[in-house]
Protein backbone atom coordinates (compact mmCIF):
# COMPACT_ATOMS: atom_id res chain seq x y z
CA MET A 1 4.50 0.39 -17.22
CA VAL A 2 1.07 1.88 -17.96
CA GLU A 3 0.17 1.81 -21.66
CA VAL A 4 -0.35 5.35 -22.97
CA GLU A 5 -3.80 5.72 -24.50
CA LYS A 6 -4.03 6.81 -28.14
CA LYS A 7 -6.21 9.87 -28.79
CA LYS A 8 -7.80 11.02 -32.03
CA ILE A 9 -5.93 13.86 -33.70
CA THR A 10 -8.35 16.77 -33.23
CA LYS A 11 -7.96 20.54 -33.25
CA ALA A 12 -8.47 20.65 -29.47
CA GLY A 13 -5.98 17.83 -28.95
CA LEU A 14 -3.32 19.55 -31.08
CA LYS A 15 -3.95 22.87 -29.33
CA ASN A 16 -3.45 21.15 -25.97
CA ALA A 17 -0.31 19.39 -27.22
CA PHE A 18 1.23 22.66 -28.44
CA LYS A 19 1.05 24.00 -24.86
CA LEU A 20 4.03 21.75 -24.29
CA TYR A 21 6.16 23.91 -26.56
CA LYS A 22 6.40 26.62 -23.92
CA TYR A 23 9.16 24.38 -22.56
CA ILE A 24 10.97 24.56 -25.94
CA LYS A 25 10.54 28.34 -26.20
CA PRO A 26 13.71 29.16 -24.19
CA PHE A 27 15.68 27.05 -26.67
CA ARG A 28 13.85 28.10 -29.87
CA LYS A 29 17.02 29.34 -31.65
CA GLU A 30 18.68 25.99 -31.11
CA TYR A 31 15.47 24.26 -32.23
CA LEU A 32 15.33 26.31 -35.45
CA ILE A 33 18.94 25.38 -36.19
CA GLY A 34 17.86 21.74 -35.82
CA VAL A 35 15.03 22.37 -38.31
CA VAL A 36 17.59 23.78 -40.80
CA PHE A 37 19.71 20.63 -40.41
CA LEU A 38 16.54 18.55 -40.84
CA LEU A 39 15.65 20.33 -44.10
CA GLY A 40 19.23 19.92 -45.31
CA SER A 41 19.32 16.18 -44.61
CA SER A 42 15.85 15.68 -46.18
CA LEU A 43 16.85 17.54 -49.35
CA GLY A 44 20.04 15.48 -49.43
CA ASN A 45 17.94 12.31 -49.34
CA LEU A 46 15.92 13.62 -52.30
CA ALA A 47 19.05 14.55 -54.29
CA PHE A 48 20.62 11.10 -53.85
CA PRO A 49 18.41 9.09 -56.30
CA LYS A 50 18.51 11.94 -58.86
CA LEU A 51 22.31 11.98 -58.87
CA LEU A 52 22.44 8.19 -59.13
CA GLY A 53 20.22 8.44 -62.24
CA GLU A 54 22.45 11.17 -63.68
CA MET A 55 25.48 8.94 -63.18
CA VAL A 56 23.74 6.08 -65.04
CA ASN A 57 22.79 8.47 -67.87
CA SER A 58 26.39 9.67 -68.07
CA ALA A 59 27.59 6.08 -68.36
CA THR A 60 25.06 5.15 -71.06
CA SER A 61 25.85 8.33 -73.05
CA LEU A 62 29.58 7.44 -72.87
CA THR A 63 30.63 10.67 -71.15
CA PRO A 64 33.03 9.48 -68.40
CA GLY A 65 34.09 13.04 -67.52
CA LYS A 66 30.52 13.99 -66.64
CA MET A 67 30.05 10.69 -64.82
CA ASN A 68 33.08 11.45 -62.61
CA ASP A 69 31.76 14.95 -61.89
CA VAL A 70 28.40 13.50 -60.88
CA ALA A 71 30.18 10.91 -58.70
CA LEU A 72 32.10 13.67 -56.91
CA LEU A 73 28.91 15.67 -56.44
CA LEU A 74 27.21 12.54 -55.11
CA GLY A 75 30.03 12.01 -52.61
CA LEU A 76 29.74 15.65 -51.48
CA VAL A 77 25.95 15.29 -51.04
CA LEU A 78 26.44 12.09 -49.00
CA LEU A 79 29.03 13.83 -46.81
CA LEU A 80 26.82 16.87 -46.24
CA ASN A 81 23.84 14.61 -45.59
CA ALA A 82 25.82 12.69 -42.97
CA VAL A 83 26.95 15.93 -41.29
CA PHE A 84 23.43 17.42 -41.36
CA SER A 85 21.91 14.19 -39.99
CA TYR A 86 24.43 14.11 -37.13
CA PHE A 87 23.80 17.70 -36.08
CA ARG A 88 20.04 17.29 -36.56
CA VAL A 89 19.92 14.38 -34.13
CA VAL A 90 22.26 16.03 -31.60
CA THR A 91 20.47 19.42 -31.74
CA PHE A 92 16.95 18.02 -31.37
CA ASN A 93 18.13 15.69 -28.61
CA ASN A 94 19.78 18.54 -26.67
CA VAL A 95 16.71 20.77 -26.94
CA THR A 96 14.41 17.92 -25.91
CA GLU A 97 16.52 16.94 -22.88
CA LYS A 98 16.69 20.57 -21.64
CA ALA A 99 12.94 21.10 -22.19
CA LEU A 100 12.00 17.83 -20.51
CA ALA A 101 14.24 18.63 -17.54
CA TYR A 102 12.02 21.70 -16.94
CA LEU A 103 8.86 19.65 -17.56
CA ARG A 104 9.94 16.92 -15.11
CA ARG A 105 10.72 19.53 -12.45
CA ASP A 106 7.40 21.33 -13.01
CA THR A 107 5.49 18.03 -12.89
CA TYR A 108 7.18 16.89 -9.68
CA ASN A 109 6.88 20.33 -8.04
CA HIS A 110 3.18 20.47 -8.92
CA LEU A 111 2.58 16.90 -7.77
CA ILE A 112 4.19 17.43 -4.38
CA ARG A 113 2.04 20.56 -3.83
CA LEU A 114 -1.24 18.74 -4.43
CA PRO A 115 -3.49 18.15 -1.40
CA LEU A 116 -3.70 14.81 0.34
CA LYS A 117 -7.19 14.14 -1.06
CA PHE A 118 -5.66 13.88 -4.56
CA PHE A 119 -3.35 11.06 -3.44
CA GLU A 120 -6.23 9.33 -1.66
CA GLN A 121 -8.04 9.16 -5.01
CA HIS A 122 -5.03 8.01 -7.06
CA ARG A 123 -2.74 5.06 -6.51
CA VAL A 124 0.82 6.35 -6.12
CA GLY A 125 2.37 3.44 -8.06
CA GLU A 126 0.00 3.97 -10.98
CA LEU A 127 0.54 7.73 -10.85
CA ASN A 128 4.31 7.32 -10.89
CA SER A 129 4.11 4.86 -13.78
CA ARG A 130 1.69 7.11 -15.65
CA ILE A 131 4.02 10.11 -15.42
CA SER A 132 7.02 7.99 -16.32
CA ALA A 133 5.29 6.55 -19.42
CA ASP A 134 3.96 9.96 -20.49
CA ILE A 135 7.26 11.82 -20.21
CA THR A 136 9.21 8.99 -21.87
CA LEU A 137 6.77 9.13 -24.79
CA LEU A 138 7.05 12.92 -24.98
CA GLN A 139 10.82 12.55 -25.10
CA GLU A 140 10.60 10.04 -27.95
CA THR A 141 8.09 12.18 -29.87
CA MET A 142 9.90 15.48 -29.43
CA THR A 143 13.29 13.94 -30.29
CA THR A 144 12.37 11.76 -33.27
CA THR A 145 8.69 11.55 -34.22
CA LEU A 146 8.06 15.20 -35.11
CA ALA A 147 11.34 15.41 -37.01
CA GLU A 148 10.43 12.17 -38.79
CA LEU A 149 7.01 13.58 -39.73
CA ILE A 150 8.59 16.69 -41.29
CA ARG A 151 11.17 14.53 -43.10
CA GLN A 152 8.50 12.20 -44.44
CA ILE A 153 6.30 15.07 -45.67
CA ILE A 154 9.31 16.60 -47.49
CA ILE A 155 10.21 13.24 -49.05
CA ILE A 156 6.61 12.51 -50.13
CA ILE A 157 5.98 15.97 -51.62
CA GLY A 158 9.48 16.38 -53.06
CA GLY A 159 9.64 12.78 -54.28
CA ILE A 160 6.25 12.89 -56.06
CA THR A 161 7.20 16.28 -57.61
CA LEU A 162 10.49 14.88 -58.96
CA LEU A 163 8.69 11.73 -60.16
CA ALA A 164 6.09 13.84 -61.97
CA ILE A 165 8.85 15.92 -63.60
CA THR A 166 10.46 12.68 -64.79
CA SER A 167 7.22 11.13 -66.12
CA ILE A 168 3.69 12.07 -65.13
CA LYS A 169 2.28 8.92 -66.73
CA LEU A 170 4.60 6.56 -64.86
CA THR A 171 4.04 8.53 -61.62
CA LEU A 172 0.27 8.02 -61.80
CA PHE A 173 0.81 4.31 -62.49
CA MET A 174 3.15 4.02 -59.48
CA LEU A 175 0.78 5.90 -57.15
CA VAL A 176 -2.08 3.54 -58.04
CA ILE A 177 -0.24 0.35 -57.05
CA LEU A 178 2.77 0.98 -54.79
CA PRO A 179 1.57 3.23 -51.87
CA PRO A 180 -1.61 1.15 -51.20
CA THR A 181 0.57 -1.97 -51.16
CA MET A 182 2.97 -0.35 -48.65
CA ILE A 183 0.09 0.82 -46.44
CA PHE A 184 -1.44 -2.68 -46.47
CA ALA A 185 1.97 -4.18 -45.61
CA ARG A 186 2.29 -1.83 -42.60
CA THR A 187 -1.25 -2.61 -41.40
CA PHE A 188 -0.67 -6.33 -41.81
CA GLY A 189 2.61 -6.07 -39.91
CA ARG A 190 0.96 -4.20 -37.02
CA TYR A 191 -1.72 -6.91 -36.79
CA ILE A 192 0.96 -9.62 -36.57
CA ARG A 193 2.76 -7.66 -33.82
CA LYS A 194 -0.54 -7.46 -31.94
CA ILE A 195 -0.92 -11.26 -32.11
CA SER A 196 2.70 -11.68 -30.96
CA LYS A 197 1.94 -9.47 -27.93
CA GLU A 198 -1.06 -11.66 -27.10
CA VAL A 199 1.16 -14.76 -27.27
CA GLN A 200 3.70 -13.08 -24.94
CA HIS A 201 0.87 -12.19 -22.56
CA GLU A 202 -0.23 -15.82 -22.41
CA VAL A 203 3.39 -16.94 -21.89
CA GLY A 204 3.55 -14.49 -18.99
CA LYS A 205 0.40 -16.03 -17.49
CA SER A 206 1.92 -19.52 -17.79
CA ASN A 207 5.08 -18.27 -16.05
CA THR A 208 2.87 -16.92 -13.25
CA VAL A 209 1.33 -20.39 -12.83
CA VAL A 210 4.83 -21.93 -12.51
CA GLU A 211 6.00 -19.21 -10.10
CA GLU A 212 2.92 -19.43 -7.87
CA THR A 213 2.98 -23.23 -7.80
CA LEU A 214 6.67 -23.48 -6.92
CA GLN A 215 6.46 -20.70 -4.32
CA GLY A 216 3.44 -22.38 -2.73
CA ILE A 217 4.67 -25.95 -3.24
CA GLN A 218 4.05 -26.76 0.41
CA SER A 219 0.36 -25.83 0.10
CA VAL A 220 0.10 -27.69 -3.23
CA LYS A 221 1.41 -30.89 -1.67
CA ALA A 222 -0.48 -30.44 1.60
CA TYR A 223 -3.77 -30.26 -0.33
CA THR A 224 -2.66 -32.97 -2.85
CA ASN A 225 -3.32 -30.60 -5.76
CA GLU A 226 -0.34 -31.63 -7.91
CA PHE A 227 -2.61 -32.99 -10.67
CA PHE A 228 -4.81 -29.90 -10.54
CA GLU A 229 -1.75 -27.68 -11.07
CA MET A 230 -0.44 -29.93 -13.85
CA ASN A 231 -3.81 -29.69 -15.61
CA ARG A 232 -3.90 -25.91 -15.16
CA TYR A 233 -0.43 -25.56 -16.72
CA ARG A 234 -1.33 -27.98 -19.55
CA LYS A 235 -4.34 -25.85 -20.53
CA GLN A 236 -2.18 -22.74 -20.51
CA THR A 237 0.50 -24.31 -22.73
CA GLU A 238 -2.14 -25.57 -25.16
CA THR A 239 -3.55 -22.03 -25.43
CA ILE A 240 -0.05 -20.70 -26.15
CA ALA A 241 0.52 -23.37 -28.79
CA GLN A 242 -2.79 -22.61 -30.55
CA MET A 243 -2.08 -18.86 -30.58
CA GLY A 244 1.49 -19.48 -31.72
CA MET A 245 0.31 -21.62 -34.65
CA ARG A 246 -2.22 -18.94 -35.64
CA SER A 247 0.55 -16.35 -35.46
CA GLY A 248 2.73 -18.60 -37.68
CA LYS A 249 0.01 -18.71 -40.36
CA TYR A 250 -0.21 -14.93 -40.43
CA ARG A 251 3.58 -14.57 -40.53
CA GLY A 252 3.69 -17.00 -43.44
CA ALA A 253 0.96 -15.06 -45.25
CA PHE A 254 2.88 -11.82 -44.59
CA ALA A 255 6.09 -13.26 -46.05
CA SER A 256 4.17 -14.38 -49.14
CA PHE A 257 2.56 -10.95 -49.45
CA ILE A 258 5.93 -9.21 -49.30
CA ILE A 259 7.26 -11.41 -52.10
CA LEU A 260 4.13 -11.26 -54.22
CA GLY A 261 2.66 -7.86 -53.40
CA LEU A 262 5.55 -5.56 -52.58
CA PHE A 263 8.14 -6.92 -54.97
CA GLY A 264 5.36 -7.47 -57.50
CA ALA A 265 4.40 -3.79 -57.28
CA LEU A 266 8.01 -2.72 -57.81
CA ALA A 267 8.33 -5.18 -60.68
CA ALA A 268 5.17 -3.69 -62.24
CA VAL A 269 6.64 -0.17 -62.03
CA ILE A 270 9.91 -1.38 -63.60
CA TRP A 271 7.90 -3.22 -66.31
CA LYS A 272 5.92 -0.08 -67.11
CA GLY A 273 9.09 2.02 -67.07
CA SER A 274 10.89 -0.47 -69.31
CA SER A 275 8.00 -0.24 -71.80
CA MET A 276 8.42 3.52 -71.83
CA LEU A 277 12.19 3.07 -72.12
CA SER A 278 11.71 0.98 -75.28
CA THR A 279 9.56 3.71 -76.86
CA GLY A 280 12.05 6.45 -75.98
CA GLU A 281 9.81 8.14 -73.40
CA LEU A 282 12.44 7.54 -70.70
CA VAL A 283 16.20 7.20 -70.54
CA PRO A 284 17.86 4.48 -68.37
CA GLY A 285 19.12 6.86 -65.68
CA ASP A 286 15.68 8.43 -65.22
CA LEU A 287 14.11 4.97 -64.86
CA PHE A 288 16.78 4.06 -62.31
CA SER A 289 16.06 7.25 -60.31
CA PHE A 290 12.31 6.69 -60.69
CA VAL A 291 12.48 3.19 -59.16
CA ILE A 292 14.48 4.45 -56.15
CA TYR A 293 12.14 7.43 -55.68
CA SER A 294 9.17 5.06 -55.91
CA ALA A 295 10.61 2.92 -53.11
CA PHE A 296 11.32 6.08 -51.07
CA VAL A 297 7.83 7.51 -51.54
CA GLY A 298 6.01 4.19 -51.10
CA GLY A 299 7.96 3.29 -47.97
CA THR A 300 7.47 6.77 -46.52
CA ILE A 301 3.71 6.73 -47.16
CA GLY A 302 3.54 3.32 -45.48
CA GLY A 303 5.57 4.67 -42.54
CA LEU A 304 3.18 7.59 -41.97
CA ALA A 305 0.81 5.22 -40.15
CA SER A 306 3.31 4.55 -37.35
CA VAL A 307 4.17 8.27 -37.13
CA PHE A 308 0.48 9.17 -36.76
CA THR A 309 0.11 6.44 -34.10
CA SER A 310 2.99 8.03 -32.17
CA ILE A 311 1.40 11.46 -32.53
CA GLN A 312 -1.92 10.08 -31.24
CA LYS A 313 -0.11 8.67 -28.20
CA PHE A 314 1.73 12.01 -27.85
CA ILE A 315 -1.62 13.83 -27.70
CA GLY A 316 -2.90 11.29 -25.16
CA ALA A 317 0.23 11.78 -23.04
CA THR A 318 -0.05 15.58 -23.07
CA GLU A 319 -3.74 15.36 -22.13
CA GLU A 320 -2.85 13.17 -19.13
CA LEU A 321 -0.10 15.57 -18.03
CA PHE A 322 -2.14 18.74 -18.45
CA ALA A 323 -5.07 17.08 -16.65
CA LEU A 324 -2.63 16.64 -13.77
CA PHE A 325 -1.59 20.30 -14.00
CA ASN A 326 -5.27 21.31 -13.80
CA GLU A 327 -5.46 19.87 -10.27
CA GLU A 328 -5.50 22.71 -7.72
CA GLU A 329 -2.36 23.04 -5.61
CA GLU A 330 -2.15 23.82 -1.91
CA GLN A 331 -1.02 27.38 -1.22
CA LEU A 332 2.39 26.59 0.23
CA VAL A 333 5.21 29.01 1.09
CA GLU A 334 8.85 28.29 1.82
CA ILE A 335 9.51 29.10 5.48
CA ALA A 336 12.92 30.26 6.66
CA GLN A 337 11.58 31.84 9.85
CA ILE A 338 8.03 32.01 11.21
CA ALA A 339 6.61 35.55 11.10
CA SER A 340 5.31 36.83 14.44
CA ASP A 341 1.69 36.92 13.21
CA GLN A 342 1.98 33.28 12.09
CA GLU A 343 3.32 31.90 15.38
CA LEU A 344 1.27 29.28 17.24
CA HIS A 345 1.20 29.25 21.04
CA GLY A 346 -0.60 25.94 21.44
CA GLN A 347 -4.21 26.92 22.20
CA ILE A 348 -6.69 25.03 19.97
CA THR A 349 -10.48 25.30 19.56
CA PHE A 350 -12.76 23.07 17.49
CA LYS A 351 -16.05 24.89 16.69
CA ASP A 352 -19.03 22.77 15.56
CA LEU A 353 -16.65 20.83 13.35
CA SER A 354 -18.01 18.19 10.98
CA PHE A 355 -16.09 16.31 8.31
CA ALA A 356 -16.67 13.81 5.49
CA TYR A 357 -13.98 12.43 3.17
CA PRO A 358 -14.35 13.64 -0.45
CA MET A 359 -14.83 10.09 -1.76
CA ARG A 360 -17.65 9.50 0.78
CA SER A 361 -19.19 12.96 1.03
CA ASP A 362 -22.54 11.62 2.31
CA GLU A 363 -20.93 9.85 5.29
CA LEU A 364 -19.84 12.15 8.12
CA VAL A 365 -16.76 10.90 9.95
CA LEU A 366 -16.94 13.68 12.55
CA ARG A 367 -20.15 15.36 13.78
CA ASN A 368 -20.38 18.68 15.62
CA ILE A 369 -17.06 18.43 17.45
CA ASN A 370 -16.49 21.15 20.06
CA ILE A 371 -13.17 21.05 21.94
CA GLU A 372 -11.21 23.60 23.97
CA ILE A 373 -7.49 22.84 24.43
CA SER A 374 -5.28 25.18 26.43
CA SER A 375 -1.59 25.74 25.70
CA ASN A 376 0.78 23.05 27.04
CA GLN A 377 -2.10 20.72 27.94
CA LEU A 378 -1.92 16.96 27.42
CA ILE A 379 -5.10 15.82 25.68
CA ALA A 380 -5.92 12.17 25.02
CA LEU A 381 -8.28 10.88 22.33
CA VAL A 382 -9.64 7.37 22.91
CA GLY A 383 -12.30 5.23 21.33
CA SER A 384 -12.83 2.27 19.03
CA SER A 385 -11.37 2.04 15.52
CA GLY A 386 -13.24 4.25 13.07
CA ALA A 387 -14.42 6.67 15.75
CA GLY A 388 -12.62 9.59 14.03
CA LYS A 389 -9.51 10.02 16.23
CA SER A 390 -6.91 10.06 13.42
CA THR A 391 -9.16 12.30 11.32
CA ILE A 392 -8.84 15.00 13.99
CA ALA A 393 -5.04 14.79 13.64
CA SER A 394 -5.40 15.10 9.86
CA LEU A 395 -7.60 18.20 10.22
CA LEU A 396 -5.20 19.85 12.67
CA LEU A 397 -2.40 19.50 10.10
CA SER A 398 -4.72 20.92 7.38
CA LEU A 399 -4.24 17.72 5.39
CA HIS A 400 -8.02 17.95 4.97
CA LEU A 401 -10.36 20.89 5.44
CA PRO A 402 -13.51 20.75 7.60
CA THR A 403 -16.79 20.12 5.80
CA LYS A 404 -18.54 22.35 8.30
CA GLY A 405 -17.38 24.47 11.24
CA GLY A 406 -13.71 25.22 11.81
CA ILE A 407 -10.53 25.11 13.87
CA CYS A 408 -9.00 28.08 15.68
CA PHE A 409 -5.42 28.48 16.88
CA ASP A 410 -4.93 30.97 19.72
CA GLY A 411 -8.43 32.34 19.09
CA ARG A 412 -7.84 32.97 15.38
CA ASP A 413 -9.41 30.95 12.56
CA SER A 414 -6.98 28.53 10.94
CA SER A 415 -7.58 30.25 7.56
CA GLU A 416 -5.65 33.27 8.91
CA PHE A 417 -2.50 31.14 9.02
CA SER A 418 -0.72 29.76 5.98
CA ILE A 419 -0.86 25.96 5.62
CA SER A 420 2.95 25.90 5.65
CA ALA A 421 3.12 27.86 8.94
CA ILE A 422 0.63 25.51 10.63
CA ARG A 423 2.43 22.35 9.54
CA HIS A 424 5.83 23.85 10.36
CA GLN A 425 4.79 24.16 14.02
CA ILE A 426 3.02 20.80 14.43
CA ALA A 427 4.78 17.44 14.62
CA LEU A 428 3.08 14.08 14.06
CA VAL A 429 4.48 10.80 15.35
CA PRO A 430 2.26 8.09 13.82
CA GLN A 431 1.96 4.41 14.61
CA ASP A 432 3.22 3.35 11.18
CA ILE A 433 6.52 5.20 10.81
CA PHE A 434 7.78 5.97 7.32
CA LEU A 435 11.54 6.32 7.04
CA PHE A 436 13.35 7.26 3.85
CA GLY A 437 15.86 4.78 2.50
CA GLY A 438 18.95 6.84 3.41
CA SER A 439 20.95 7.08 6.63
CA ILE A 440 19.80 7.52 10.22
CA ARG A 441 21.28 11.04 10.14
CA GLU A 442 19.24 11.99 7.04
CA ASN A 443 16.04 10.64 8.57
CA ILE A 444 16.47 12.53 11.85
CA ALA A 445 17.50 15.71 10.01
CA TYR A 446 14.24 15.58 8.03
CA GLY A 447 12.72 17.38 11.03
CA LYS A 448 15.09 20.30 10.43
CA ILE A 449 16.97 20.18 7.14
CA ASP A 450 19.77 22.56 8.21
CA ALA A 451 20.34 20.92 11.63
CA THR A 452 23.92 20.74 12.93
CA ASP A 453 25.58 17.48 14.04
CA GLU A 454 25.27 18.66 17.64
CA GLU A 455 21.51 19.23 17.26
CA ILE A 456 21.07 15.79 15.66
CA ASN A 457 23.03 14.09 18.47
CA ASP A 458 21.01 15.95 21.09
CA ALA A 459 17.70 14.95 19.44
CA ALA A 460 18.82 11.30 19.30
CA LEU A 461 19.73 11.40 23.01
CA LYS A 462 16.34 12.84 23.98
CA ALA A 463 14.62 10.19 21.92
CA ASN A 464 16.57 7.35 23.60
CA ALA A 465 17.89 6.48 20.13
CA MET A 466 21.62 6.65 20.99
CA GLU A 467 21.19 3.32 22.80
CA PHE A 468 21.00 1.48 19.47
CA ILE A 469 22.74 4.00 17.16
CA GLU A 470 26.02 3.57 19.04
CA ARG A 471 25.80 -0.20 18.54
CA PHE A 472 25.96 0.22 14.76
CA PRO A 473 29.52 0.39 13.31
CA GLU A 474 28.55 3.33 11.08
CA ARG A 475 26.47 5.02 13.80
CA PHE A 476 24.50 7.93 12.22
CA GLU A 477 25.57 6.95 8.71
CA THR A 478 23.87 3.54 9.00
CA ILE A 479 21.52 2.97 6.05
CA VAL A 480 18.00 2.17 7.28
CA GLY A 481 16.81 0.47 4.06
CA GLU A 482 13.61 1.05 2.13
CA ARG A 483 10.90 2.34 4.51
CA GLY A 484 13.33 1.64 7.39
CA THR A 485 13.14 -2.15 7.08
CA GLN A 486 16.65 -2.59 8.53
CA LEU A 487 15.45 -1.27 11.90
CA SER A 488 13.02 -2.74 14.43
CA GLY A 489 9.65 -1.11 15.17
CA GLY A 490 10.92 0.48 18.39
CA GLN A 491 14.04 1.81 16.66
CA ARG A 492 11.95 3.35 13.88
CA GLN A 493 9.68 4.99 16.47
CA ARG A 494 12.65 6.54 18.26
CA ILE A 495 14.07 7.87 14.95
CA ALA A 496 10.66 9.47 14.34
CA ILE A 497 10.65 10.95 17.86
CA ALA A 498 14.17 12.34 17.33
CA ARG A 499 12.89 13.89 14.09
CA ALA A 500 10.03 15.51 16.05
CA VAL A 501 12.44 16.70 18.81
CA LEU A 502 14.54 18.40 16.14
CA LYS A 503 11.46 20.11 14.71
CA ASN A 504 10.69 21.54 18.15
CA PRO A 505 6.95 21.92 17.49
CA LYS A 506 4.45 24.05 19.39
CA ILE A 507 1.85 21.26 19.04
CA LEU A 508 2.61 17.54 19.14
CA ILE A 509 0.31 14.77 17.86
CA LEU A 510 1.02 11.17 18.85
CA ASP A 511 -1.14 8.74 16.86
CA GLU A 512 -1.00 5.42 18.76
CA ALA A 513 2.77 5.72 18.75
CA THR A 514 3.41 2.74 21.08
CA SER A 515 0.55 0.38 20.25
CA SER A 516 2.53 -2.16 18.21
CA LEU A 517 5.69 -2.33 20.35
CA ASP A 518 6.92 -4.96 22.77
CA SER A 519 7.22 -4.09 26.49
CA GLU A 520 10.92 -3.13 26.42
CA SER A 521 10.59 -0.97 23.29
CA GLU A 522 7.42 0.60 24.66
CA ARG A 523 9.19 1.60 27.87
CA LEU A 524 12.02 3.32 25.95
CA VAL A 525 9.66 4.99 23.49
CA GLN A 526 7.24 6.11 26.20
CA ASP A 527 10.12 7.64 28.17
CA ALA A 528 11.23 9.52 25.02
CA LEU A 529 7.66 10.69 24.35
CA GLU A 530 7.29 12.06 27.88
CA LYS A 531 10.43 14.16 27.35
CA LEU A 532 9.07 15.34 24.00
CA MET A 533 5.65 16.31 25.40
CA THR A 534 7.12 18.57 28.08
CA GLY A 535 6.43 22.25 27.48
CA ARG A 536 4.11 21.92 24.50
CA THR A 537 0.48 21.16 23.67
CA SER A 538 0.23 17.41 23.13
CA ILE A 539 -2.61 15.41 21.63
CA VAL A 540 -2.27 11.68 22.20
CA ILE A 541 -4.39 9.19 20.28
CA ALA A 542 -4.17 6.21 22.59
CA HIS A 543 -4.91 2.53 22.28
CA ARG A 544 -3.34 1.54 25.60
CA LEU A 545 -5.22 3.54 28.20
CA SER A 546 -2.52 3.02 30.80
CA THR A 547 -0.32 5.52 28.92
CA ILE A 548 -2.75 8.46 29.22
CA ARG A 549 -3.95 8.30 32.85
CA ASN A 550 -2.17 11.58 33.64
CA ALA A 551 -3.75 13.47 30.74
CA ASP A 552 -5.24 16.91 31.57
CA GLN A 553 -8.29 15.93 29.55
CA ILE A 554 -9.45 12.66 28.02
CA LEU A 555 -11.90 12.82 25.08
CA VAL A 556 -13.81 9.63 24.42
CA MET A 557 -14.98 9.39 20.81
CA ASP A 558 -17.80 7.23 19.55
CA LYS A 559 -19.21 7.21 15.99
CA GLY A 560 -17.66 10.57 15.11
CA GLN A 561 -18.82 12.39 18.22
CA ILE A 562 -17.38 13.19 21.64
CA ALA A 563 -19.31 10.89 23.93
CA GLU A 564 -17.42 11.62 27.17
CA LYS A 565 -14.70 13.98 28.39
CA GLY A 566 -12.84 14.53 31.62
CA THR A 567 -9.82 13.28 33.57
CA HIS A 568 -9.11 9.61 34.15
CA LYS A 569 -10.43 9.89 37.70
CA THR A 570 -13.73 11.55 36.76
CA LEU A 571 -14.37 9.22 33.80
CA MET A 572 -13.78 6.12 35.94
CA LYS A 573 -16.60 7.29 38.22
CA LYS A 574 -19.16 7.12 35.40
CA THR A 575 -21.29 4.03 35.74
CA ASP A 576 -21.43 2.13 32.44
CA GLY A 577 -19.26 4.82 30.86
CA ILE A 578 -17.46 3.96 27.60
CA TYR A 579 -14.06 4.89 29.02
CA LYS A 580 -14.63 2.89 32.20
CA ASN A 581 -15.67 -0.19 30.20
CA LEU A 582 -12.64 0.12 27.88
CA SER A 583 -10.31 0.55 30.84
CA GLU A 584 -11.73 -2.46 32.70
CA LEU A 585 -11.56 -4.63 29.57
CA GLN A 586 -7.87 -3.80 29.10
CA TYR A 587 -7.07 -4.21 32.78
CA ASN A 588 -8.89 -7.54 33.03
CA GLY A 589 -7.40 -8.65 29.73
């Protein structure tokens, strides 16, 4: 889990944090009811010590009737306090859960609409952890921290007011010694927790040493490094021991401080109050109430530090979230049916297209690309790794936008089509297939969410996937595992092809779809691909040149430019041509 950064409490930070309350606005009546319960429970807490003092005064003044009345009133206050506290917690929790449900949906919906370049600049694992940590902290703050802050402010103000009414002189004495002691105790305690975390971190590092050594025991023994590993672990355990002993000293000092400082401060207040009691300035019940109020106020003032720490983290979390919301979304639309003016017919033109990735804006990946592709043509892109072949596929899908120049579909600039319409009519079958962790049926149906069973079966047949699906006892309901790990490479490819068949695209992009398969799998996959390519514009990024000999046009890419183009036959006639050399290397190999 990513640690949420603390931010200083500033006017700008608070203003940003209060943006979050638009999610509470729909439930503001319920929230205000929670505030009423909060005020009721806080006032009940303040009444409790006063009534205890009244009961003591009644006992010392030998008025048992009054004492019983106070006891009944005290019981009623406790009951009401318990009821108010219950409904306060439940009400705030309900409002928070409803509000955060909207926030989670908005965050996810925004995230999934962000362009690919955003995800190329952020690690997905870190991003997921960041959002998880932020929203968990917001939940904790909105449910408890803000309510606790209001409760503590009421107790501090109300408590000091009631103390001053009881005795202004004793109140000033208490405020001089008890709150600073409580604040120091809290600060000291936080420092000890910090040291304990450091010890746990070192213990974690020592566990890593053990885990790595035992997992790689064969290498350890093969290189006779047993004594090296023993020495490494010994140093780690000595570090832990030293830090543990230092932590023990501080814990011992903290225990002594609690006894001497905290209890000493309370004893000093009682001593001062007893002196006033002996001179008649106080009565026993008031002193009793005063001591309890002092503990309440002192403890609450000491607890403000942790509340402010939580609020600082809350501000940091909201800044992180709203920074995410400031990222510009892609203009996506939900497509039920393609409008006639948004239909693609398969003709593609690249006009003086150049492209550089945002993170490397000074390094052009593609330079002045000019390509004419007719409808239903089979076009092959070949060339060495890094030549820019896959980047062309990315630009066709509008996953990135050209740095210069443009792409036209059917003679119209790509900007005249919505991003959603373009992607809806193009299918990509990559080399590295990603499957979701559900069933085979769910993965095939991802190409058309509302597909019927008949359509799914037909797509699987065309993709030559039924050959292995029928061998599974659960057939289409077979779980493929995370990223499809329960299937072989060839099986995953055929699931992806079935998904593309179901999508029925106008333009098909095959990005080295057979390069990592064995001969048998390649034959089945290639047969499925040939069926899929029929009747549509197909762009094949090929590693094995034997698979694209029948292409209508082969484009040979080199260092981001089109170095050669033509059919297999014409390119093989070029003396010292790049394509001819690649083809001869593969054939001879």
